Amino acid sequence: RLLRLQQITGGFVNTDAGIQQHVSSAKLNLLKELLDDIIDAGKKVVIFARFLAEIKAIIKMLESMKLGYSYITGEVPNEQRGEQVRVFQGDPDCKVFVAQIQTAGLGITLHAADTAIFYSVDFNYANYSQARARIHRIGQKNNCTYIHLIAKGTIDEHVLQALQRKEDVAKIVVDNWRIYFE
């Protein structure tokens, strides 16, 4: 049920018959407004999303906006992922990097952007933390901004609260580790 609820807030749901249905464009419309502002300010941006249907809709929107982009999902072969990162980092016309949070959260540097938008996330704090770290890397010259697209009154709020609680626990353990060994 949690998975279905998260899919719905992203605008899509898979029925029990295996058919994917588009149910809302609310987050996509908000994302478009944010991108207009960020790109108008001369910045690059990284967008993290959990589900392939969301990523495909985001890419379709970027193409309609005529914005240069690169992307990594689980469908992108490993040998092509480095090139996707290189294009984003080095090509001034490539303004957006779209990343599936489970796939592109580790081991890549995306500091050409100082803004990350979380279209959707999962309950995994490690995925979330690593995704945030993609733009907050050595070489980053600006303060980093993280934007979460949250559908009010939905599972999105619960997921973000759970991630914040997990972060609090992680910080307590990391910052105060000595008290556990006394």
Protein backbone atom coordinates (compact mmCIF):
# COMPACT_ATOMS: atom_id res chain seq x y z
CA ARG A 1 0.00 0.00 0.00
CA LEU A 2 2.82 2.41 0.84
CA LEU A 3 4.35 1.83 -2.58
CA ARG A 4 1.04 2.51 -4.34
CA LEU A 5 0.47 5.66 -2.29
CA GLN A 6 3.93 6.93 -3.22
CA GLN A 7 3.32 6.19 -6.89
CA ILE A 8 0.06 8.13 -6.76
CA THR A 9 1.68 11.26 -5.30
CA GLY A 10 4.16 11.14 -8.20
CA GLY A 11 1.28 11.12 -10.64
CA PHE A 12 1.19 7.45 -11.63
CA VAL A 13 -0.13 4.19 -10.34
CA ASN A 14 0.16 0.61 -11.49
CA THR A 15 -3.15 -1.17 -11.30
CA ASP A 16 -3.44 -4.74 -10.07
CA ALA A 17 -3.78 -5.69 -13.74
CA GLY A 18 -0.30 -4.25 -14.37
CA ILE A 19 -1.50 -1.24 -16.32
CA GLN A 20 0.18 2.06 -15.54
CA GLN A 21 -2.21 4.98 -15.27
CA HIS A 22 -1.45 8.67 -15.14
CA VAL A 23 -3.50 10.15 -12.29
CA SER A 24 -2.08 13.63 -11.67
CA SER A 25 0.24 16.30 -13.10
CA ALA A 26 0.40 18.43 -9.94
CA LYS A 27 4.04 17.70 -9.05
CA LEU A 28 5.12 17.94 -12.68
CA ASN A 29 3.50 21.37 -13.01
CA LEU A 30 5.23 22.58 -9.85
CA LEU A 31 8.54 21.18 -11.09
CA LYS A 32 8.15 23.10 -14.35
CA GLU A 33 7.66 26.38 -12.44
CA LEU A 34 10.71 25.70 -10.28
CA LEU A 35 12.83 24.84 -13.31
CA ASP A 36 11.80 28.04 -15.07
CA ASP A 37 13.05 30.05 -12.08
CA ILE A 38 16.27 28.06 -11.57
CA ILE A 39 17.24 28.05 -15.25
CA ASP A 40 16.36 31.76 -15.59
CA ALA A 41 18.81 32.39 -12.73
CA GLY A 42 21.53 30.76 -14.85
CA LYS A 43 21.86 27.65 -12.69
CA LYS A 44 21.94 23.93 -13.28
CA VAL A 45 19.80 21.55 -11.26
CA VAL A 46 19.66 17.88 -10.27
CA ILE A 47 16.26 16.18 -10.01
CA PHE A 48 15.94 12.97 -8.00
CA ALA A 49 12.94 10.70 -8.45
CA ARG A 50 12.17 7.18 -7.34
CA PHE A 51 9.99 5.72 -10.09
CA LEU A 52 10.73 5.29 -13.80
CA ALA A 53 7.30 6.59 -14.81
CA GLU A 54 8.08 9.86 -13.02
CA ILE A 55 11.48 10.10 -14.68
CA LYS A 56 10.01 9.47 -18.12
CA ALA A 57 7.41 12.19 -17.52
CA ILE A 58 10.12 14.60 -16.31
CA ILE A 59 12.26 13.90 -19.39
CA LYS A 60 9.27 14.44 -21.68
CA MET A 61 8.63 17.77 -19.95
CA LEU A 62 12.31 18.80 -20.30
CA GLU A 63 12.18 18.01 -24.00
CA SER A 64 9.01 20.10 -24.42
CA MET A 65 10.81 22.95 -22.60
CA LYS A 66 13.81 22.46 -24.93
CA LEU A 67 16.16 22.08 -21.97
CA GLY A 68 19.37 20.10 -22.30
CA TYR A 69 19.58 17.22 -19.85
CA SER A 70 21.35 14.01 -19.02
CA TYR A 71 20.12 11.20 -16.83
CA ILE A 72 20.85 7.97 -15.01
CA THR A 73 18.32 5.29 -14.19
CA GLY A 74 18.66 1.58 -13.65
CA GLU A 75 17.98 1.21 -17.39
CA VAL A 76 21.14 3.14 -18.35
CA PRO A 77 24.05 0.70 -18.81
CA ASN A 78 26.95 1.16 -16.38
CA GLU A 79 29.38 1.96 -19.20
CA GLN A 80 27.22 4.94 -20.28
CA ARG A 81 26.71 6.49 -16.85
CA GLY A 82 30.07 8.23 -16.68
CA GLU A 83 29.37 9.98 -19.98
CA GLN A 84 25.99 11.17 -18.68
CA VAL A 85 27.74 12.74 -15.67
CA ARG A 86 30.51 14.22 -17.83
CA VAL A 87 27.99 15.90 -20.12
CA PHE A 88 26.13 17.44 -17.19
CA GLN A 89 29.29 18.61 -15.47
CA GLY A 90 30.96 20.06 -18.56
CA ASP A 91 28.36 21.08 -21.13
CA PRO A 92 26.91 24.54 -20.45
CA ASP A 93 23.83 23.64 -22.52
CA CYS A 94 23.05 20.63 -20.30
CA LYS A 95 21.04 22.33 -17.55
CA VAL A 96 19.35 19.39 -15.82
CA PHE A 97 20.48 16.03 -14.49
CA VAL A 98 17.66 13.56 -13.80
CA ALA A 99 18.59 10.75 -11.44
CA GLN A 100 16.81 7.70 -10.15
CA ILE A 101 17.59 7.99 -6.45
CA GLN A 102 18.41 4.30 -5.96
CA THR A 103 20.75 4.20 -8.98
CA ALA A 104 22.52 7.56 -9.10
CA GLY A 105 22.84 8.25 -5.40
CA LEU A 106 26.34 6.79 -5.01
CA GLY A 107 29.76 7.57 -6.38
CA ILE A 108 29.07 10.44 -8.76
CA THR A 109 29.83 14.12 -8.50
CA LEU A 110 27.24 16.63 -9.72
CA HIS A 111 28.62 19.85 -8.23
CA ALA A 112 27.94 21.75 -11.47
CA ALA A 113 24.57 22.25 -9.74
CA ASP A 114 24.00 23.73 -6.31
CA THR A 115 20.29 22.89 -6.29
CA ALA A 116 18.70 19.46 -6.00
CA ILE A 117 14.99 18.82 -6.29
CA PHE A 118 13.56 15.68 -4.74
CA TYR A 119 10.53 14.81 -6.83
CA SER A 120 10.09 11.63 -4.79
CA VAL A 121 12.10 9.63 -2.26
CA ASP A 122 11.88 6.30 -0.48
CA PHE A 123 12.19 5.45 3.21
CA ASN A 124 15.88 4.56 2.84
CA TYR A 125 17.94 7.18 4.68
CA ALA A 126 21.19 6.00 3.06
CA ASN A 127 19.75 6.60 -0.44
CA TYR A 128 18.52 10.03 0.60
CA SER A 129 21.72 11.08 2.34
CA GLN A 130 23.90 9.92 -0.54
CA ALA A 131 21.68 11.70 -3.06
CA ARG A 132 22.05 14.96 -1.14
CA ALA A 133 25.81 14.51 -1.17
CA ARG A 134 25.97 14.42 -4.99
CA ILE A 135 25.91 18.24 -5.21
CA HIS A 136 27.61 18.91 -1.87
CA ARG A 137 31.08 17.79 -2.93
CA ILE A 138 34.64 19.04 -2.98
CA GLY A 139 34.70 21.73 -5.64
CA GLN A 140 31.26 23.10 -4.80
CA LYS A 141 31.59 26.88 -4.52
CA ASN A 142 28.01 27.73 -3.52
CA ASN A 143 25.63 26.91 -0.73
CA CYS A 144 23.50 23.92 -1.65
CA THR A 145 19.71 24.11 -1.82
CA TYR A 146 17.47 21.07 -1.46
CA ILE A 147 13.83 21.30 -2.54
CA HIS A 148 11.31 18.57 -1.73
CA LEU A 149 8.09 18.31 -3.73
CA ILE A 150 5.60 17.15 -1.13
CA ALA A 151 1.90 16.57 -1.75
CA LYS A 152 0.14 17.93 1.33
CA GLY A 153 -1.76 15.42 3.42
CA THR A 154 -0.22 12.40 1.67
CA ILE A 155 2.35 9.69 2.25
CA ASP A 156 5.01 12.20 1.08
CA GLU A 157 4.79 13.97 4.44
CA HIS A 158 5.26 10.70 6.34
CA VAL A 159 8.25 9.66 4.24
CA LEU A 160 10.02 12.99 4.79
CA GLN A 161 9.29 12.88 8.54
CA ALA A 162 10.71 9.35 8.72
CA LEU A 163 13.85 10.45 6.88
CA GLN A 164 14.27 13.40 9.25
CA ARG A 165 13.95 11.09 12.28
CA LYS A 166 16.52 8.73 10.78
CA GLU A 167 18.86 11.67 10.21
CA ASP A 168 18.43 12.72 13.83
CA VAL A 169 19.35 9.22 15.02
CA ALA A 170 22.35 9.13 12.67
CA LYS A 171 23.61 12.48 13.92
CA ILE A 172 23.23 11.44 17.55
CA VAL A 173 25.29 8.31 16.96
CA VAL A 174 27.96 10.05 14.86
CA ASP A 175 28.28 13.18 17.00
CA ASN A 176 28.06 11.45 20.38
CA TRP A 177 29.62 8.07 19.70
CA ARG A 178 31.95 8.35 22.70
CA ILE A 179 29.10 8.07 25.23
CA TYR A 180 28.24 4.64 23.85
CA PHE A 181 31.74 3.32 24.59
CA GLU A 182 32.29 4.68 28.09
